[in-house]
Amino acid sequence: PFLAKNFASHLSPWIVTLEALEPFRTSGPVQDPKVLPYLEYQGDNHYDIELEVSIETAQGESKKVSESNFKYMYWNMVQQLAHHTVNGCNVKAGDMMASGTISGPEPHQYGSMLEIAWQGTKPVQMPDGTERKFIQDSDTVVMKGFGKKDGLRIGFGEVRAKVLPTK
């Protein structure tokens, strides 16, 4: 499940600590069937973090393609860490963990182009008249994330990744 993180991964310029995210703790989805004992947890271990993804064409025209939320993750970060280490994988302070694709229940909350374009059957109409079933060469993917609650806002910055053509 972690292999997709080694291809075209990008990071925002911001580091946000778990302490800073405390105000955004929330309950997660019901896990059915019941999880194995080492994955059980108590309390609110999910985070209400709004996510936005846009595609920008080579000409600079942009289209928002997803508005999801980290709270939709089936497996919270505590469970992901436990699962990652259960077979003896060493984790050290400073190691980076990646959640994977974050999709919500509604079509505007889907997290991958496979879902967004519904396996290519529902292309995304771009402002320049072109369409996208998949990300194309010279497109830039722009991702933003932030927690917002009671007048408090914690941002994750913006990450931009341009897809370059093969040589």
N, C-alpha and C. Protein backbone atom coordinates (compact mmCIF):
# COMPACT_ATOMS: atom_id res chain seq x y z
N PRO A 1 0.81 -1.23 0.00
CA PRO A 1 0.00 0.00 0.00
C PRO A 1 0.83 1.27 0.00
N PHE A 2 2.13 1.17 0.30
CA PHE A 2 2.94 2.36 0.40
C PHE A 2 3.76 2.63 -0.86
N LEU A 3 3.70 1.78 -1.87
CA LEU A 3 4.57 1.91 -3.03
C LEU A 3 4.27 3.14 -3.87
N ALA A 4 3.04 3.62 -3.90
CA ALA A 4 2.72 4.78 -4.72
C ALA A 4 3.40 6.04 -4.21
N LYS A 5 3.89 6.04 -3.00
CA LYS A 5 4.54 7.23 -2.44
C LYS A 5 5.91 7.47 -3.03
N ASN A 6 6.46 6.50 -3.76
CA ASN A 6 7.81 6.68 -4.28
C ASN A 6 7.81 7.18 -5.72
N PHE A 7 6.67 7.60 -6.25
CA PHE A 7 6.61 8.11 -7.62
C PHE A 7 5.97 9.49 -7.63
N ALA A 8 6.71 10.49 -8.07
CA ALA A 8 6.23 11.86 -8.25
C ALA A 8 5.66 12.46 -6.97
N SER A 9 6.16 12.06 -5.83
CA SER A 9 5.69 12.63 -4.56
C SER A 9 6.27 14.03 -4.37
N HIS A 10 5.47 14.91 -3.83
CA HIS A 10 5.88 16.28 -3.54
C HIS A 10 5.42 16.65 -2.14
N LEU A 11 6.07 17.64 -1.55
CA LEU A 11 5.73 18.10 -0.20
C LEU A 11 5.51 19.60 -0.22
N SER A 12 4.60 20.04 0.65
CA SER A 12 4.43 21.49 0.80
C SER A 12 5.61 22.03 1.60
N PRO A 13 5.83 23.32 1.58
CA PRO A 13 6.96 23.89 2.31
C PRO A 13 6.74 24.01 3.81
N TRP A 14 5.57 23.64 4.30
CA TRP A 14 5.22 23.82 5.70
C TRP A 14 5.26 22.51 6.46
N ILE A 15 5.69 22.58 7.71
CA ILE A 15 5.59 21.45 8.63
C ILE A 15 4.58 21.86 9.69
N VAL A 16 3.55 21.05 9.86
CA VAL A 16 2.52 21.33 10.85
C VAL A 16 2.55 20.18 11.87
N THR A 17 2.76 20.53 13.13
CA THR A 17 2.88 19.50 14.17
C THR A 17 1.50 18.98 14.57
N LEU A 18 1.48 17.80 15.15
CA LEU A 18 0.22 17.26 15.66
C LEU A 18 -0.35 18.14 16.77
N GLU A 19 0.54 18.78 17.54
CA GLU A 19 0.06 19.69 18.59
C GLU A 19 -0.74 20.84 17.99
N ALA A 20 -0.30 21.36 16.86
CA ALA A 20 -1.00 22.46 16.20
C ALA A 20 -2.36 22.01 15.66
N LEU A 21 -2.50 20.70 15.42
CA LEU A 21 -3.76 20.18 14.87
C LEU A 21 -4.76 19.75 15.94
N GLU A 22 -4.40 19.85 17.20
CA GLU A 22 -5.30 19.44 18.29
C GLU A 22 -6.71 20.01 18.17
N PRO A 23 -6.89 21.30 17.84
CA PRO A 23 -8.25 21.84 17.76
C PRO A 23 -9.09 21.22 16.64
N PHE A 24 -8.44 20.51 15.73
CA PHE A 24 -9.15 19.97 14.56
C PHE A 24 -9.41 18.47 14.67
N ARG A 25 -9.17 17.90 15.84
CA ARG A 25 -9.47 16.47 16.04
C ARG A 25 -10.96 16.24 15.85
N THR A 26 -11.30 15.09 15.27
CA THR A 26 -12.70 14.76 15.04
C THR A 26 -12.84 13.25 14.98
N SER A 27 -14.07 12.79 15.02
CA SER A 27 -14.31 11.36 14.89
C SER A 27 -14.17 10.97 13.42
N GLY A 28 -13.87 9.71 13.21
CA GLY A 28 -13.71 9.21 11.85
C GLY A 28 -14.88 8.33 11.44
N PRO A 29 -14.80 7.77 10.25
CA PRO A 29 -15.88 6.90 9.78
C PRO A 29 -15.97 5.63 10.62
N VAL A 30 -17.15 5.05 10.65
CA VAL A 30 -17.34 3.78 11.34
C VAL A 30 -16.54 2.71 10.60
N GLN A 31 -15.79 1.94 11.35
CA GLN A 31 -14.97 0.90 10.73
C GLN A 31 -15.69 -0.44 10.86
N ASP A 32 -16.21 -0.91 9.75
CA ASP A 32 -16.96 -2.15 9.71
C ASP A 32 -16.49 -2.95 8.50
N PRO A 33 -15.96 -4.12 8.70
CA PRO A 33 -16.00 -4.93 9.91
C PRO A 33 -15.03 -4.42 10.98
N LYS A 34 -15.18 -4.93 12.18
CA LYS A 34 -14.35 -4.54 13.30
C LYS A 34 -12.88 -4.80 12.95
N VAL A 35 -12.03 -3.86 13.33
CA VAL A 35 -10.60 -3.98 13.02
C VAL A 35 -9.91 -4.95 13.97
N LEU A 36 -8.74 -5.42 13.58
CA LEU A 36 -7.94 -6.29 14.43
C LEU A 36 -7.55 -5.54 15.70
N PRO A 37 -7.32 -6.26 16.79
CA PRO A 37 -7.04 -5.60 18.08
C PRO A 37 -5.92 -4.56 18.04
N TYR A 38 -4.85 -4.82 17.30
CA TYR A 38 -3.74 -3.85 17.29
C TYR A 38 -4.10 -2.56 16.55
N LEU A 39 -5.22 -2.54 15.84
CA LEU A 39 -5.66 -1.34 15.13
C LEU A 39 -6.82 -0.63 15.83
N GLU A 40 -7.27 -1.18 16.95
CA GLU A 40 -8.35 -0.52 17.70
C GLU A 40 -7.81 0.74 18.36
N TYR A 41 -8.67 1.73 18.52
CA TYR A 41 -8.28 2.98 19.17
C TYR A 41 -9.50 3.57 19.85
N GLN A 42 -9.25 4.53 20.72
CA GLN A 42 -10.33 5.25 21.39
C GLN A 42 -10.14 6.75 21.16
N GLY A 43 -11.24 7.47 21.19
CA GLY A 43 -11.18 8.92 21.06
C GLY A 43 -11.20 9.38 19.62
N ASP A 44 -11.04 10.67 19.47
CA ASP A 44 -11.05 11.30 18.15
C ASP A 44 -9.62 11.33 17.61
N ASN A 45 -9.32 10.43 16.70
CA ASN A 45 -7.98 10.35 16.12
C ASN A 45 -7.93 10.72 14.65
N HIS A 46 -8.98 11.33 14.15
CA HIS A 46 -9.00 11.86 12.79
C HIS A 46 -8.89 13.38 12.89
N TYR A 47 -8.62 14.03 11.77
CA TYR A 47 -8.46 15.48 11.76
C TYR A 47 -9.33 16.10 10.68
N ASP A 48 -9.98 17.20 11.03
CA ASP A 48 -10.82 17.94 10.09
C ASP A 48 -9.92 18.93 9.34
N ILE A 49 -9.35 18.47 8.24
CA ILE A 49 -8.46 19.28 7.43
C ILE A 49 -9.03 19.34 6.02
N GLU A 50 -9.39 20.54 5.60
CA GLU A 50 -9.97 20.72 4.27
C GLU A 50 -8.87 20.63 3.22
N LEU A 51 -9.19 20.00 2.10
CA LEU A 51 -8.23 19.77 1.04
C LEU A 51 -8.79 20.25 -0.29
N GLU A 52 -7.95 20.89 -1.09
CA GLU A 52 -8.35 21.36 -2.42
C GLU A 52 -7.29 20.94 -3.43
N VAL A 53 -7.74 20.46 -4.57
CA VAL A 53 -6.82 20.08 -5.64
C VAL A 53 -7.28 20.74 -6.94
N SER A 54 -6.35 21.38 -7.63
CA SER A 54 -6.63 22.01 -8.92
C SER A 54 -5.65 21.49 -9.96
N ILE A 55 -6.08 21.56 -11.21
CA ILE A 55 -5.19 21.29 -12.34
C ILE A 55 -5.03 22.59 -13.09
N GLU A 56 -3.78 22.95 -13.35
CA GLU A 56 -3.46 24.16 -14.11
C GLU A 56 -2.84 23.73 -15.44
N THR A 57 -3.38 24.24 -16.54
CA THR A 57 -2.86 23.90 -17.86
C THR A 57 -1.53 24.61 -18.10
N ALA A 58 -0.86 24.22 -19.16
CA ALA A 58 0.42 24.86 -19.52
C ALA A 58 0.23 26.35 -19.78
N GLN A 59 -0.99 26.76 -20.19
CA GLN A 59 -1.28 28.17 -20.46
C GLN A 59 -1.66 28.93 -19.18
N GLY A 60 -1.72 28.24 -18.04
CA GLY A 60 -1.99 28.90 -16.77
C GLY A 60 -3.45 28.94 -16.36
N GLU A 61 -4.33 28.30 -17.12
CA GLU A 61 -5.75 28.26 -16.74
C GLU A 61 -5.97 27.13 -15.75
N SER A 62 -6.73 27.41 -14.70
CA SER A 62 -6.86 26.47 -13.59
C SER A 62 -8.30 26.01 -13.39
N LYS A 63 -8.44 24.78 -12.92
CA LYS A 63 -9.75 24.21 -12.62
C LYS A 63 -9.64 23.41 -11.32
N LYS A 64 -10.48 23.74 -10.33
CA LYS A 64 -10.52 22.97 -9.09
C LYS A 64 -11.21 21.65 -9.40
N VAL A 65 -10.56 20.53 -9.09
CA VAL A 65 -11.11 19.22 -9.42
C VAL A 65 -11.53 18.42 -8.19
N SER A 66 -11.12 18.86 -7.00
CA SER A 66 -11.50 18.12 -5.79
C SER A 66 -11.50 19.04 -4.58
N GLU A 67 -12.49 18.85 -3.72
CA GLU A 67 -12.57 19.50 -2.41
C GLU A 67 -12.93 18.41 -1.41
N SER A 68 -11.92 17.83 -0.79
CA SER A 68 -12.15 16.72 0.12
C SER A 68 -11.78 17.12 1.53
N ASN A 69 -11.63 16.14 2.41
CA ASN A 69 -11.28 16.42 3.79
C ASN A 69 -10.55 15.20 4.36
N PHE A 70 -9.51 15.46 5.12
CA PHE A 70 -8.71 14.39 5.72
C PHE A 70 -9.54 13.52 6.68
N LYS A 71 -10.64 14.05 7.20
CA LYS A 71 -11.46 13.28 8.14
C LYS A 71 -12.11 12.06 7.48
N TYR A 72 -12.12 12.01 6.15
CA TYR A 72 -12.71 10.87 5.45
C TYR A 72 -11.79 9.66 5.39
N MET A 73 -10.55 9.80 5.85
CA MET A 73 -9.63 8.67 5.83
C MET A 73 -10.22 7.52 6.64
N TYR A 74 -10.27 6.36 6.06
CA TYR A 74 -10.78 5.18 6.78
C TYR A 74 -9.82 4.82 7.91
N TRP A 75 -8.52 4.83 7.61
CA TRP A 75 -7.49 4.51 8.61
C TRP A 75 -6.86 5.81 9.07
N ASN A 76 -6.94 6.11 10.38
CA ASN A 76 -6.33 7.33 10.89
C ASN A 76 -4.81 7.16 10.98
N MET A 77 -4.10 8.23 11.29
CA MET A 77 -2.64 8.18 11.30
C MET A 77 -2.11 7.25 12.39
N VAL A 78 -2.80 7.13 13.52
CA VAL A 78 -2.38 6.22 14.58
C VAL A 78 -2.43 4.78 14.05
N GLN A 79 -3.51 4.43 13.38
CA GLN A 79 -3.65 3.09 12.82
C GLN A 79 -2.62 2.85 11.71
N GLN A 80 -2.39 3.86 10.88
CA GLN A 80 -1.42 3.69 9.80
C GLN A 80 -0.01 3.45 10.35
N LEU A 81 0.35 4.16 11.40
CA LEU A 81 1.65 3.95 12.03
C LEU A 81 1.73 2.54 12.62
N ALA A 82 0.69 2.12 13.33
CA ALA A 82 0.68 0.77 13.91
C ALA A 82 0.80 -0.30 12.83
N HIS A 83 0.06 -0.14 11.75
CA HIS A 83 0.10 -1.12 10.67
C HIS A 83 1.47 -1.13 9.99
N HIS A 84 2.04 0.03 9.82
CA HIS A 84 3.33 0.15 9.15
C HIS A 84 4.43 -0.55 9.94
N THR A 85 4.32 -0.55 11.27
CA THR A 85 5.39 -1.08 12.11
C THR A 85 5.12 -2.49 12.63
N VAL A 86 3.94 -3.05 12.40
CA VAL A 86 3.57 -4.34 13.00
C VAL A 86 4.50 -5.48 12.57
N ASN A 87 5.10 -5.38 11.41
CA ASN A 87 5.98 -6.46 10.96
C ASN A 87 7.45 -6.17 11.26
N GLY A 88 7.72 -5.17 12.12
CA GLY A 88 9.07 -4.89 12.54
C GLY A 88 9.74 -3.74 11.82
N CYS A 89 9.04 -3.02 10.98
CA CYS A 89 9.62 -1.86 10.29
C CYS A 89 10.01 -0.81 11.32
N ASN A 90 11.25 -0.38 11.27
CA ASN A 90 11.71 0.64 12.21
C ASN A 90 11.22 2.01 11.79
N VAL A 91 10.72 2.77 12.72
CA VAL A 91 10.33 4.15 12.49
C VAL A 91 11.08 5.00 13.50
N LYS A 92 11.68 6.06 13.00
CA LYS A 92 12.47 6.94 13.86
C LYS A 92 11.88 8.34 13.86
N ALA A 93 12.22 9.13 14.87
CA ALA A 93 11.79 10.53 14.91
C ALA A 93 12.26 11.21 13.64
N GLY A 94 11.36 11.95 13.02
CA GLY A 94 11.68 12.65 11.78
C GLY A 94 11.28 11.90 10.53
N ASP A 95 10.93 10.62 10.65
CA ASP A 95 10.47 9.87 9.48
C ASP A 95 9.15 10.45 9.01
N MET A 96 8.95 10.41 7.73
CA MET A 96 7.75 10.98 7.13
C MET A 96 6.74 9.88 6.82
N MET A 97 5.49 10.15 7.10
CA MET A 97 4.41 9.22 6.78
C MET A 97 3.50 9.88 5.76
N ALA A 98 2.96 9.09 4.85
CA ALA A 98 2.04 9.62 3.84
C ALA A 98 0.72 8.87 3.94
N SER A 99 -0.37 9.59 3.83
CA SER A 99 -1.69 8.99 4.06
C SER A 99 -2.22 8.22 2.87
N GLY A 100 -1.90 8.66 1.68
CA GLY A 100 -2.50 8.06 0.49
C GLY A 100 -3.64 8.93 0.00
N THR A 101 -4.35 8.45 -1.00
CA THR A 101 -5.44 9.20 -1.63
C THR A 101 -6.56 9.43 -0.62
N ILE A 102 -7.07 10.64 -0.59
CA ILE A 102 -8.14 11.00 0.35
C ILE A 102 -9.38 11.35 -0.44
N SER A 103 -10.33 10.45 -0.43
CA SER A 103 -11.58 10.65 -1.16
C SER A 103 -12.74 10.74 -0.17
N GLY A 104 -13.66 11.67 -0.45
CA GLY A 104 -14.88 11.77 0.34
C GLY A 104 -16.00 11.02 -0.35
N PRO A 105 -17.19 11.04 0.25
CA PRO A 105 -18.31 10.27 -0.28
C PRO A 105 -18.99 10.86 -1.51
N GLU A 106 -18.80 12.14 -1.78
CA GLU A 106 -19.47 12.81 -2.89
C GLU A 106 -18.52 12.96 -4.08
N PRO A 107 -19.03 13.01 -5.31
CA PRO A 107 -18.16 13.12 -6.49
C PRO A 107 -17.18 14.30 -6.44
N HIS A 108 -17.58 15.46 -5.90
CA HIS A 108 -16.65 16.60 -5.85
C HIS A 108 -15.56 16.40 -4.80
N GLN A 109 -15.65 15.30 -4.02
CA GLN A 109 -14.67 15.01 -2.99
C GLN A 109 -13.75 13.85 -3.36
N TYR A 110 -13.88 13.33 -4.59
CA TYR A 110 -13.02 12.23 -5.01
C TYR A 110 -11.57 12.71 -5.04
N GLY A 111 -10.63 11.80 -4.79
CA GLY A 111 -9.25 12.19 -4.63
C GLY A 111 -8.28 11.77 -5.72
N SER A 112 -8.71 11.02 -6.69
CA SER A 112 -7.80 10.61 -7.77
C SER A 112 -8.48 10.87 -9.11
N MET A 113 -7.68 11.06 -10.14
CA MET A 113 -8.26 11.29 -11.47
C MET A 113 -9.05 10.08 -11.94
N LEU A 114 -8.68 8.89 -11.52
CA LEU A 114 -9.45 7.70 -11.88
C LEU A 114 -10.88 7.82 -11.39
N GLU A 115 -11.05 8.33 -10.16
CA GLU A 115 -12.39 8.55 -9.60
C GLU A 115 -13.05 9.80 -10.19
N ILE A 116 -12.29 10.91 -10.23
CA ILE A 116 -12.85 12.18 -10.67
C ILE A 116 -13.41 12.08 -12.08
N ALA A 117 -12.67 11.45 -12.98
CA ALA A 117 -13.12 11.29 -14.36
C ALA A 117 -13.86 9.95 -14.56
N TRP A 118 -14.14 9.30 -13.48
CA TRP A 118 -14.88 8.03 -13.45
C TRP A 118 -14.39 7.07 -14.53
N GLN A 119 -13.11 6.69 -14.38
CA GLN A 119 -12.42 5.77 -15.28
C GLN A 119 -12.43 6.27 -16.73
N GLY A 120 -12.40 7.58 -16.89
CA GLY A 120 -12.35 8.18 -18.22
C GLY A 120 -13.70 8.38 -18.87
N THR A 121 -14.79 8.00 -18.20
CA THR A 121 -16.13 8.13 -18.80
C THR A 121 -16.76 9.50 -18.54
N LYS A 122 -16.20 10.28 -17.59
CA LYS A 122 -16.72 11.61 -17.26
C LYS A 122 -15.55 12.60 -17.24
N PRO A 123 -15.04 12.98 -18.41
CA PRO A 123 -13.88 13.87 -18.45
C PRO A 123 -14.14 15.20 -17.75
N VAL A 124 -13.08 15.76 -17.18
CA VAL A 124 -13.13 17.08 -16.55
C VAL A 124 -12.99 18.12 -17.65
N GLN A 125 -13.93 19.05 -17.71
CA GLN A 125 -13.89 20.14 -18.69
C GLN A 125 -13.02 21.26 -18.14
N MET A 126 -11.97 21.60 -18.86
CA MET A 126 -11.04 22.63 -18.44
C MET A 126 -11.49 23.98 -19.00
N PRO A 127 -11.08 25.09 -18.38
CA PRO A 127 -11.49 26.43 -18.83
C PRO A 127 -11.07 26.76 -20.26
N ASP A 128 -10.02 26.13 -20.75
CA ASP A 128 -9.55 26.44 -22.11
C ASP A 128 -10.24 25.60 -23.18
N GLY A 129 -11.26 24.82 -22.79
CA GLY A 129 -12.01 24.00 -23.75
C GLY A 129 -11.50 22.58 -23.89
N THR A 130 -10.33 22.28 -23.33
CA THR A 130 -9.83 20.91 -23.37
C THR A 130 -10.47 20.11 -22.24
N GLU A 131 -10.23 18.83 -22.25
CA GLU A 131 -10.76 17.99 -21.19
C GLU A 131 -9.65 17.10 -20.65
N ARG A 132 -9.88 16.62 -19.43
CA ARG A 132 -8.90 15.75 -18.79
C ARG A 132 -9.58 14.47 -18.30
N LYS A 133 -9.06 13.35 -18.79
CA LYS A 133 -9.42 12.05 -18.21
C LYS A 133 -8.32 11.64 -17.23
N PHE A 134 -7.13 12.12 -17.54
CA PHE A 134 -5.95 11.91 -16.71
C PHE A 134 -5.13 13.19 -16.78
N ILE A 135 -4.19 13.36 -15.89
CA ILE A 135 -3.31 14.52 -15.92
C ILE A 135 -2.42 14.38 -17.15
N GLN A 136 -2.19 15.49 -17.84
CA GLN A 136 -1.41 15.47 -19.08
C GLN A 136 -0.05 16.12 -18.88
N ASP A 137 0.86 15.82 -19.81
CA ASP A 137 2.16 16.48 -19.79
C ASP A 137 1.96 18.00 -19.77
N SER A 138 2.77 18.67 -19.00
CA SER A 138 2.78 20.13 -18.81
C SER A 138 1.67 20.64 -17.91
N ASP A 139 0.77 19.77 -17.42
CA ASP A 139 -0.21 20.18 -16.40
C ASP A 139 0.52 20.34 -15.07
N THR A 140 0.03 21.25 -14.25
CA THR A 140 0.52 21.42 -12.90
C THR A 140 -0.61 21.08 -11.94
N VAL A 141 -0.32 20.19 -10.99
CA VAL A 141 -1.29 19.84 -9.96
C VAL A 141 -0.98 20.71 -8.75
N VAL A 142 -2.01 21.39 -8.25
CA VAL A 142 -1.85 22.31 -7.12
C VAL A 142 -2.71 21.78 -5.97
N MET A 143 -2.08 21.54 -4.82
CA MET A 143 -2.80 21.03 -3.65
C MET A 143 -2.66 22.00 -2.48
N LYS A 144 -3.77 22.19 -1.76
CA LYS A 144 -3.80 23.04 -0.57
C LYS A 144 -4.53 22.30 0.53
N GLY A 145 -4.11 22.53 1.77
CA GLY A 145 -4.79 21.94 2.91
C GLY A 145 -4.79 22.93 4.06
N PHE A 146 -5.88 22.91 4.84
CA PHE A 146 -5.96 23.81 5.99
C PHE A 146 -7.04 23.33 6.96
N GLY A 147 -6.79 23.60 8.23
CA GLY A 147 -7.80 23.38 9.25
C GLY A 147 -8.42 24.72 9.58
N LYS A 148 -9.73 24.72 9.78
CA LYS A 148 -10.44 25.98 10.05
C LYS A 148 -11.53 25.69 11.07
N LYS A 149 -11.49 26.39 12.22
CA LYS A 149 -12.48 26.16 13.26
C LYS A 149 -12.49 27.33 14.24
N ASP A 150 -13.66 27.84 14.53
CA ASP A 150 -13.82 28.90 15.54
C ASP A 150 -12.86 30.07 15.35
N GLY A 151 -12.70 30.52 14.12
CA GLY A 151 -11.84 31.66 13.83
C GLY A 151 -10.37 31.33 13.74
N LEU A 152 -10.00 30.08 14.00
CA LEU A 152 -8.61 29.65 13.91
C LEU A 152 -8.39 28.97 12.57
N ARG A 153 -7.28 29.28 11.93
CA ARG A 153 -6.94 28.64 10.65
C ARG A 153 -5.47 28.24 10.68
N ILE A 154 -5.22 26.98 10.40
CA ILE A 154 -3.85 26.46 10.30
C ILE A 154 -3.68 25.96 8.88
N GLY A 155 -2.75 26.55 8.14
CA GLY A 155 -2.53 26.17 6.76
C GLY A 155 -1.34 25.25 6.58
N PHE A 156 -1.37 24.49 5.52
CA PHE A 156 -0.28 23.58 5.17
C PHE A 156 0.53 24.11 3.99
N GLY A 157 0.25 25.32 3.58
CA GLY A 157 0.92 25.86 2.42
C GLY A 157 0.35 25.26 1.15
N GLU A 158 1.02 25.53 0.06
CA GLU A 158 0.59 25.04 -1.24
C GLU A 158 1.70 24.20 -1.83
N VAL A 159 1.34 23.10 -2.44
CA VAL A 159 2.34 22.29 -3.14
C VAL A 159 1.93 22.23 -4.61
N ARG A 160 2.90 22.47 -5.48
CA ARG A 160 2.67 22.49 -6.93
C ARG A 160 3.59 21.47 -7.57
N ALA A 161 3.06 20.67 -8.46
CA ALA A 161 3.87 19.67 -9.15
C ALA A 161 3.54 19.68 -10.64
N LYS A 162 4.51 20.06 -11.44
CA LYS A 162 4.30 20.10 -12.89
C LYS A 162 4.71 18.74 -13.48
N VAL A 163 3.87 18.20 -14.33
CA VAL A 163 4.16 16.94 -15.00
C VAL A 163 4.95 17.25 -16.27
N LEU A 164 6.17 16.78 -16.31
CA LEU A 164 7.03 17.03 -17.47
C LEU A 164 6.94 15.86 -18.45
N PRO A 165 7.07 16.15 -19.74
CA PRO A 165 7.04 15.06 -20.72
C PRO A 165 8.28 14.17 -20.59
N THR A 166 8.16 12.91 -21.00
CA THR A 166 9.31 12.03 -20.98
C THR A 166 10.33 12.47 -22.01
N LYS A 167 11.56 12.09 -21.80
CA LYS A 167 12.63 12.47 -22.74
C LYS A 167 12.63 11.53 -23.92
